[in-house]
Amino acid sequence: WDYMQLMGHTFKDMDRTAAFTHAMLTWANWVDANTDP
């Protein structure tokens, strides 16, 4: 991607590990909120 957006801020570049960690946490929170255990 050319740009990444996080919490209202746009970044030209971002540490890939931090971006992946944030993506996984976002996905995990979505799963917790939208699935029926």
PDB file of N, CA and C in Angstrom:
ATOM      1  N   TRP A   1       0.834  -1.183   0.000  1.00  0.00           N
ATOM      2  CA  TRP A   1       0.000   0.000   0.000  1.00  0.00           C
ATOM      3  C   TRP A   1       0.876   1.243   0.000  1.00  0.00           C
ATOM      4  N   ASP A   2       0.303   2.333  -0.514  1.00  0.00           N
ATOM      5  CA  ASP A   2       1.056   3.586  -0.524  1.00  0.00           C
ATOM      6  C   ASP A   2       0.959   4.305   0.811  1.00  0.00           C
ATOM      7  N   TYR A   3      -0.208   4.201   1.451  1.00  0.00           N
ATOM      8  CA  TYR A   3      -0.429   4.896   2.721  1.00  0.00           C
ATOM      9  C   TYR A   3      -1.176   3.983   3.677  1.00  0.00           C
ATOM     10  N   MET A   4      -1.007   4.239   4.970  1.00  0.00           N
ATOM     11  CA  MET A   4      -1.749   3.511   5.996  1.00  0.00           C
ATOM     12  C   MET A   4      -2.402   4.521   6.919  1.00  0.00           C
ATOM     13  N   GLN A   5      -3.599   4.208   7.385  1.00  0.00           N
ATOM     14  CA  GLN A   5      -4.296   5.106   8.296  1.00  0.00           C
ATOM     15  C   GLN A   5      -4.547   4.381   9.611  1.00  0.00           C
ATOM     16  N   LEU A   6      -4.242   5.082  10.713  1.00  0.00           N
ATOM     17  CA  LEU A   6      -4.393   4.507  12.038  1.00  0.00           C
ATOM     18  C   LEU A   6      -4.886   5.590  12.973  1.00  0.00           C
ATOM     19  N   MET A   7      -6.078   5.379  13.521  1.00  0.00           N
ATOM     20  CA  MET A   7      -6.666   6.313  14.489  1.00  0.00           C
ATOM     21  C   MET A   7      -6.693   7.761  13.969  1.00  0.00           C
ATOM     22  N   GLY A   8      -7.090   7.922  12.708  1.00  0.00           N
ATOM     23  CA  GLY A   8      -7.235   9.256  12.137  1.00  0.00           C
ATOM     24  C   GLY A   8      -5.953   9.876  11.620  1.00  0.00           C
ATOM     25  N   HIS A   9      -4.841   9.169  11.709  1.00  0.00           N
ATOM     26  CA  HIS A   9      -3.562   9.674  11.217  1.00  0.00           C
ATOM     27  C   HIS A   9      -3.142   8.856  10.003  1.00  0.00           C
ATOM     28  N   THR A  10      -2.624   9.538   8.983  1.00  0.00           N
ATOM     29  CA  THR A  10      -2.173   8.872   7.775  1.00  0.00           C
ATOM     30  C   THR A  10      -0.651   8.794   7.781  1.00  0.00           C
ATOM     31  N   PHE A  11      -0.130   7.611   7.458  1.00  0.00           N
ATOM     32  CA  PHE A  11       1.312   7.380   7.461  1.00  0.00           C
ATOM     33  C   PHE A  11       1.763   6.950   6.073  1.00  0.00           C
ATOM     34  N   LYS A  12       2.874   7.498   5.624  1.00  0.00           N
ATOM     35  CA  LYS A  12       3.467   7.067   4.360  1.00  0.00           C
ATOM     36  C   LYS A  12       4.139   5.708   4.554  1.00  0.00           C
ATOM     37  N   ASP A  13       4.724   5.508   5.713  1.00  0.00           N
ATOM     38  CA  ASP A  13       5.383   4.247   6.015  1.00  0.00           C
ATOM     39  C   ASP A  13       5.149   3.917   7.485  1.00  0.00           C
ATOM     40  N   MET A  14       5.207   2.640   7.814  1.00  0.00           N
ATOM     41  CA  MET A  14       4.972   2.202   9.186  1.00  0.00           C
ATOM     42  C   MET A  14       5.733   0.906   9.397  1.00  0.00           C
ATOM     43  N   ASP A  15       6.228   0.693  10.594  1.00  0.00           N
ATOM     44  CA  ASP A  15       6.894  -0.561  10.922  1.00  0.00           C
ATOM     45  C   ASP A  15       5.954  -1.717  10.605  1.00  0.00           C
ATOM     46  N   ARG A  16       6.409  -2.651   9.786  1.00  0.00           N
ATOM     47  CA  ARG A  16       5.543  -3.748   9.332  1.00  0.00           C
ATOM     48  C   ARG A  16       5.077  -4.633  10.487  1.00  0.00           C
ATOM     49  N   THR A  17       5.919  -4.846  11.468  1.00  0.00           N
ATOM     50  CA  THR A  17       5.522  -5.661  12.618  1.00  0.00           C
ATOM     51  C   THR A  17       4.433  -4.968  13.417  1.00  0.00           C
ATOM     52  N   ALA A  18       4.559  -3.672  13.625  1.00  0.00           N
ATOM     53  CA  ALA A  18       3.539  -2.914  14.354  1.00  0.00           C
ATOM     54  C   ALA A  18       2.228  -2.903  13.573  1.00  0.00           C
ATOM     55  N   ALA A  19       2.303  -2.749  12.253  1.00  0.00           N
ATOM     56  CA  ALA A  19       1.100  -2.754  11.424  1.00  0.00           C
ATOM     57  C   ALA A  19       0.404  -4.113  11.496  1.00  0.00           C
ATOM     58  N   PHE A  20       1.177  -5.196  11.425  1.00  0.00           N
ATOM     59  CA  PHE A  20       0.602  -6.536  11.499  1.00  0.00           C
ATOM     60  C   PHE A  20      -0.035  -6.779  12.862  1.00  0.00           C
ATOM     61  N   THR A  21       0.640  -6.359  13.927  1.00  0.00           N
ATOM     62  CA  THR A  21       0.103  -6.514  15.280  1.00  0.00           C
ATOM     63  C   THR A  21      -1.214  -5.771  15.421  1.00  0.00           C
ATOM     64  N   HIS A  22      -1.277  -4.557  14.929  1.00  0.00           N
ATOM     65  CA  HIS A  22      -2.511  -3.773  15.006  1.00  0.00           C
ATOM     66  C   HIS A  22      -3.626  -4.450  14.200  1.00  0.00           C
ATOM     67  N   ALA A  23      -3.287  -4.968  13.029  1.00  0.00           N
ATOM     68  CA  ALA A  23      -4.281  -5.651  12.198  1.00  0.00           C
ATOM     69  C   ALA A  23      -4.838  -6.883  12.906  1.00  0.00           C
ATOM     70  N   MET A  24      -3.974  -7.671  13.530  1.00  0.00           N
ATOM     71  CA  MET A  24      -4.421  -8.870  14.235  1.00  0.00           C
ATOM     72  C   MET A  24      -5.290  -8.530  15.441  1.00  0.00           C
ATOM     73  N   LEU A  25      -4.927  -7.476  16.173  1.00  0.00           N
ATOM     74  CA  LEU A  25      -5.750  -7.061  17.315  1.00  0.00           C
ATOM     75  C   LEU A  25      -7.113  -6.553  16.852  1.00  0.00           C
ATOM     76  N   THR A  26      -7.133  -5.809  15.752  1.00  0.00           N
ATOM     77  CA  THR A  26      -8.395  -5.314  15.197  1.00  0.00           C
ATOM     78  C   THR A  26      -9.285  -6.485  14.789  1.00  0.00           C
ATOM     79  N   TRP A  27      -8.705  -7.457  14.090  1.00  0.00           N
ATOM     80  CA  TRP A  27      -9.459  -8.627  13.653  1.00  0.00           C
ATOM     81  C   TRP A  27      -9.965  -9.429  14.856  1.00  0.00           C
ATOM     82  N   ALA A  28      -9.115  -9.630  15.857  1.00  0.00           N
ATOM     83  CA  ALA A  28      -9.513 -10.396  17.042  1.00  0.00           C
ATOM     84  C   ALA A  28     -10.656  -9.710  17.783  1.00  0.00           C
ATOM     85  N   ASN A  29     -10.600  -8.400  17.897  1.00  0.00           N
ATOM     86  CA  ASN A  29     -11.691  -7.659  18.546  1.00  0.00           C
ATOM     87  C   ASN A  29     -12.980  -7.793  17.752  1.00  0.00           C
ATOM     88  N   TRP A  30     -12.883  -7.774  16.415  1.00  0.00           N
ATOM     89  CA  TRP A  30     -14.074  -7.930  15.580  1.00  0.00           C
ATOM     90  C   TRP A  30     -14.668  -9.329  15.788  1.00  0.00           C
ATOM     91  N   VAL A  31     -13.825 -10.352  15.802  1.00  0.00           N
ATOM     92  CA  VAL A  31     -14.299 -11.723  16.005  1.00  0.00           C
ATOM     93  C   VAL A  31     -15.000 -11.836  17.354  1.00  0.00           C
ATOM     94  N   ASP A  32     -14.401 -11.301  18.404  1.00  0.00           N
ATOM     95  CA  ASP A  32     -15.014 -11.353  19.737  1.00  0.00           C
ATOM     96  C   ASP A  32     -16.376 -10.667  19.762  1.00  0.00           C
ATOM     97  N   ALA A  33     -16.506  -9.562  19.041  1.00  0.00           N
ATOM     98  CA  ALA A  33     -17.746  -8.787  19.067  1.00  0.00           C
ATOM     99  C   ALA A  33     -18.825  -9.345  18.136  1.00  0.00           C
ATOM    100  N   ASN A  34     -18.438 -10.141  17.126  1.00  0.00           N
ATOM    101  CA  ASN A  34     -19.397 -10.535  16.099  1.00  0.00           C
ATOM    102  C   ASN A  34     -19.626 -12.032  15.960  1.00  0.00           C
ATOM    103  N   THR A  35     -19.108 -12.817  16.868  1.00  0.00           N
ATOM    104  CA  THR A  35     -19.374 -14.255  16.807  1.00  0.00           C
ATOM    105  C   THR A  35     -20.059 -14.700  18.090  1.00  0.00           C
ATOM    106  N   ASP A  36     -20.817 -15.755  17.973  1.00  0.00           N
ATOM    107  CA  ASP A  36     -21.563 -16.279  19.113  1.00  0.00           C
ATOM    108  C   ASP A  36     -20.835 -17.519  19.633  1.00  0.00           C
ATOM    109  N   PRO A  37     -20.232 -17.424  20.806  1.00  0.00           N
ATOM    110  CA  PRO A  37     -19.436 -18.560  21.312  1.00  0.00           C
ATOM    111  C   PRO A  37     -20.253 -19.781  21.544  1.00  0.00           C
TER     112      PRO A  37
END
